[in-house]
Amino acid sequence: MAATDAPNSPPQKLGYKIAVLVFIRNSCGQHLLLLRAKAPNLGTWSPIGGKLETAIGESPFECAVRETHEETGHLVTHADLHLFAMIAEKAYEGASHWLLFLFDCTKPLDSLPAAMEEGKFGFFSREQIEQLPLPETDKTALWQIYDRHHKSFVALRADCAPDRPLEVFIEQIIPAAAQPSK
């Protein structure tokens, strides 16, 4: 047995990756999703997003604006985005920790973006999303978080270790009525 497999050994130390997810809808309320052609989440549908450029000090809002434009061509500003969740995911796929910032885009996108290296796009009703192949964490937690909190704010942590069931803990909720107005 390797030293890391010993009972009561400290948890494996993994690095953090910092990323955003942007939930975009069209004027009919359908969600824009990307069928991922690359890992992570290859072959599943998910909201657009990407990693922060930490070397230049990019903020989550700056990243959400940049990723939205790069992936969809949709020009948005900070004012078009509502940060509704921050999730610290421990040991996602056993490979790394993720700090995710979830944004609701309030500016509709009505034309389907062209396919790209990352995958192809589709618009789906919330009901249709339940029938799509989704990443397991999206199916069991992400969309419920969106449904409950996209007009408010919630901070969460999730234990995503591959050898246990997903556990999500709420660390803070700020109701929509308590949100500062823009």
Protein backbone atom coordinates (compact mmCIF):
# COMPACT_ATOMS: atom_id res chain seq x y z
CA MET A 1 0.00 0.00 0.00
CA ALA A 2 1.36 3.40 -0.97
CA ALA A 3 1.82 6.05 1.70
CA THR A 4 -1.04 8.08 0.18
CA ASP A 5 -3.38 5.08 0.55
CA ALA A 6 -2.78 4.69 4.29
CA PRO A 7 -5.82 5.12 6.53
CA ASN A 8 -6.13 8.58 8.11
CA SER A 9 -3.56 10.02 5.70
CA PRO A 10 -3.95 13.73 4.92
CA PRO A 11 -6.00 14.55 1.82
CA GLN A 12 -4.15 14.76 -1.48
CA LYS A 13 -3.01 18.32 -2.15
CA LEU A 14 -4.37 19.61 -5.45
CA GLY A 15 -4.09 23.01 -7.08
CA TYR A 16 -6.99 25.40 -7.63
CA LYS A 17 -8.32 26.38 -11.03
CA ILE A 18 -10.46 29.51 -11.19
CA ALA A 19 -13.20 29.78 -13.80
CA VAL A 20 -16.53 31.32 -14.74
CA LEU A 21 -19.74 29.89 -16.15
CA VAL A 22 -22.14 32.21 -17.96
CA PHE A 23 -25.82 31.34 -18.26
CA ILE A 24 -27.18 33.02 -21.41
CA ARG A 25 -30.78 32.90 -22.65
CA ASN A 26 -32.51 33.99 -25.84
CA SER A 27 -35.60 36.24 -25.90
CA CYS A 28 -37.81 33.13 -25.58
CA GLY A 29 -36.06 32.16 -22.33
CA GLN A 30 -34.18 29.18 -23.78
CA HIS A 31 -30.69 28.55 -22.42
CA LEU A 32 -27.61 28.55 -24.64
CA LEU A 33 -25.52 25.45 -23.99
CA LEU A 34 -22.31 24.10 -25.46
CA LEU A 35 -21.89 20.42 -26.39
CA ARG A 36 -18.30 20.07 -25.24
CA ALA A 37 -15.83 18.61 -27.74
CA LYS A 38 -12.96 18.67 -25.20
CA ALA A 39 -12.32 17.70 -21.59
CA PRO A 40 -13.44 18.45 -19.01
CA ASN A 41 -16.99 17.24 -19.55
CA LEU A 42 -16.39 15.92 -23.08
CA GLY A 43 -19.65 14.96 -24.81
CA THR A 44 -21.92 16.78 -22.38
CA TRP A 45 -23.90 20.02 -22.56
CA SER A 46 -22.93 22.90 -20.30
CA PRO A 47 -23.09 26.69 -20.05
CA ILE A 48 -20.23 28.59 -21.64
CA GLY A 49 -17.26 29.69 -19.61
CA GLY A 50 -13.57 29.43 -19.09
CA LYS A 51 -10.59 29.97 -16.85
CA LEU A 52 -9.48 33.34 -15.55
CA GLU A 53 -6.23 34.69 -16.94
CA THR A 54 -4.65 34.96 -13.51
CA ALA A 55 -1.25 36.02 -14.86
CA ILE A 56 -2.77 39.37 -15.90
CA GLY A 57 -4.97 39.71 -12.80
CA GLU A 58 -8.23 39.22 -14.70
CA SER A 59 -11.32 39.50 -12.49
CA PRO A 60 -14.25 37.06 -12.70
CA PHE A 61 -16.38 39.78 -14.36
CA GLU A 62 -13.65 40.55 -16.91
CA CYS A 63 -13.33 36.83 -17.63
CA ALA A 64 -17.10 36.43 -18.07
CA VAL A 65 -17.20 39.35 -20.53
CA ARG A 66 -14.19 37.99 -22.45
CA GLU A 67 -15.37 34.37 -22.55
CA THR A 68 -18.88 35.38 -23.62
CA HIS A 69 -17.46 37.33 -26.56
CA GLU A 70 -14.80 34.75 -27.50
CA GLU A 71 -17.17 31.79 -27.43
CA THR A 72 -20.40 33.35 -28.75
CA GLY A 73 -19.55 36.72 -30.34
CA HIS A 74 -22.08 38.25 -27.91
CA LEU A 75 -20.88 41.66 -26.69
CA VAL A 76 -21.78 42.18 -23.04
CA THR A 77 -20.60 44.52 -20.31
CA HIS A 78 -20.31 44.08 -16.56
CA ALA A 79 -23.79 45.65 -16.28
CA ASP A 80 -25.25 42.76 -18.33
CA LEU A 81 -23.99 40.19 -15.83
CA HIS A 82 -25.31 39.20 -12.42
CA LEU A 83 -22.95 37.16 -10.23
CA PHE A 84 -25.31 34.72 -8.55
CA ALA A 85 -23.02 32.04 -7.16
CA MET A 86 -19.51 31.23 -6.09
CA ILE A 87 -18.70 27.54 -5.69
CA ALA A 88 -15.53 26.03 -4.28
CA GLU A 89 -15.37 22.49 -5.69
CA LYS A 90 -12.99 20.17 -3.86
CA ALA A 91 -11.28 17.41 -5.86
CA TYR A 92 -13.34 17.70 -9.07
CA GLU A 93 -12.82 14.42 -10.95
CA GLY A 94 -10.02 13.83 -8.42
CA ALA A 95 -7.77 16.08 -10.51
CA SER A 96 -7.99 19.60 -9.10
CA HIS A 97 -9.99 22.01 -7.01
CA TRP A 98 -12.11 24.59 -8.83
CA LEU A 99 -13.32 27.99 -7.73
CA LEU A 100 -16.27 28.80 -9.99
CA PHE A 101 -18.09 32.10 -10.42
CA LEU A 102 -21.57 31.73 -11.95
CA PHE A 103 -23.09 34.60 -13.90
CA ASP A 104 -26.59 35.14 -15.24
CA CYS A 105 -26.43 37.19 -18.45
CA THR A 106 -29.38 39.57 -18.59
CA LYS A 107 -28.79 40.55 -22.25
CA PRO A 108 -30.48 37.98 -24.53
CA LEU A 109 -28.63 36.31 -27.40
CA ASP A 110 -31.07 35.34 -30.16
CA SER A 111 -28.82 33.83 -32.82
CA LEU A 112 -27.09 30.51 -32.34
CA PRO A 113 -23.29 30.98 -32.38
CA ALA A 114 -21.25 29.03 -34.91
CA ALA A 115 -19.60 25.79 -33.83
CA MET A 116 -16.02 26.16 -32.68
CA GLU A 117 -13.10 24.07 -31.43
CA GLU A 118 -14.72 23.80 -27.97
CA GLY A 119 -17.94 22.34 -29.42
CA LYS A 120 -21.31 23.23 -30.90
CA PHE A 121 -24.19 25.24 -29.47
CA GLY A 122 -27.88 24.73 -28.95
CA PHE A 123 -30.78 26.55 -27.30
CA PHE A 124 -32.89 24.52 -24.86
CA SER A 125 -35.83 25.10 -22.58
CA ARG A 126 -35.24 24.40 -18.93
CA GLU A 127 -37.37 21.24 -19.28
CA GLN A 128 -35.31 20.01 -22.27
CA ILE A 129 -32.08 20.47 -20.31
CA GLU A 130 -33.17 17.73 -17.89
CA GLN A 131 -33.11 15.24 -20.79
CA LEU A 132 -29.65 16.17 -22.13
CA PRO A 133 -26.37 14.46 -21.28
CA LEU A 134 -24.99 16.76 -18.58
CA PRO A 135 -21.89 16.61 -16.40
CA GLU A 136 -22.84 14.77 -13.20
CA THR A 137 -22.25 17.83 -11.01
CA ASP A 138 -24.45 19.93 -13.33
CA LYS A 139 -27.24 17.34 -13.14
CA THR A 140 -27.14 16.91 -9.38
CA ALA A 141 -26.32 20.46 -8.27
CA LEU A 142 -25.59 23.21 -10.82
CA TRP A 143 -29.03 23.55 -12.41
CA GLN A 144 -30.79 23.43 -9.03
CA ILE A 145 -28.46 26.22 -7.87
CA TYR A 146 -29.36 28.21 -10.98
CA ASP A 147 -33.10 27.62 -10.49
CA ARG A 148 -33.04 28.70 -6.84
CA HIS A 149 -30.47 31.50 -6.86
CA HIS A 150 -30.01 33.13 -10.29
CA LYS A 151 -31.77 36.27 -9.04
CA SER A 152 -29.95 36.32 -5.68
CA PHE A 153 -26.49 35.28 -4.50
CA VAL A 154 -25.22 32.10 -2.88
CA ALA A 155 -21.75 30.97 -1.82
CA LEU A 156 -21.24 27.21 -1.74
CA ARG A 157 -18.63 24.55 -1.32
CA ALA A 158 -18.88 21.12 -2.84
CA ASP A 159 -17.01 17.92 -2.12
CA CYS A 160 -16.59 16.35 -5.56
CA ALA A 161 -14.18 13.55 -4.60
CA PRO A 162 -14.77 10.69 -7.04
CA ASP A 163 -14.99 8.04 -4.30
CA ARG A 164 -17.99 9.62 -2.52
CA PRO A 165 -21.40 11.08 -3.36
CA LEU A 166 -21.42 14.78 -4.24
CA GLU A 167 -22.08 16.94 -1.19
CA VAL A 168 -22.91 20.63 -1.50
CA PHE A 169 -22.91 22.99 1.48
CA ILE A 170 -24.37 26.49 1.51
CA GLU A 171 -22.01 28.96 3.14
CA GLN A 172 -24.02 32.16 2.54
CA ILE A 173 -27.22 33.29 0.83
CA ILE A 174 -28.12 36.90 0.03
CA PRO A 175 -31.78 37.09 -1.11
CA ALA A 176 -32.69 39.03 -4.26
CA ALA A 177 -34.42 41.73 -2.19
CA ALA A 178 -31.14 42.40 -0.34
CA GLN A 179 -29.08 42.73 -3.55
CA PRO A 180 -27.80 46.21 -4.34
CA SER A 181 -29.59 47.79 -7.29
CA LYS A 182 -27.63 48.63 -10.41
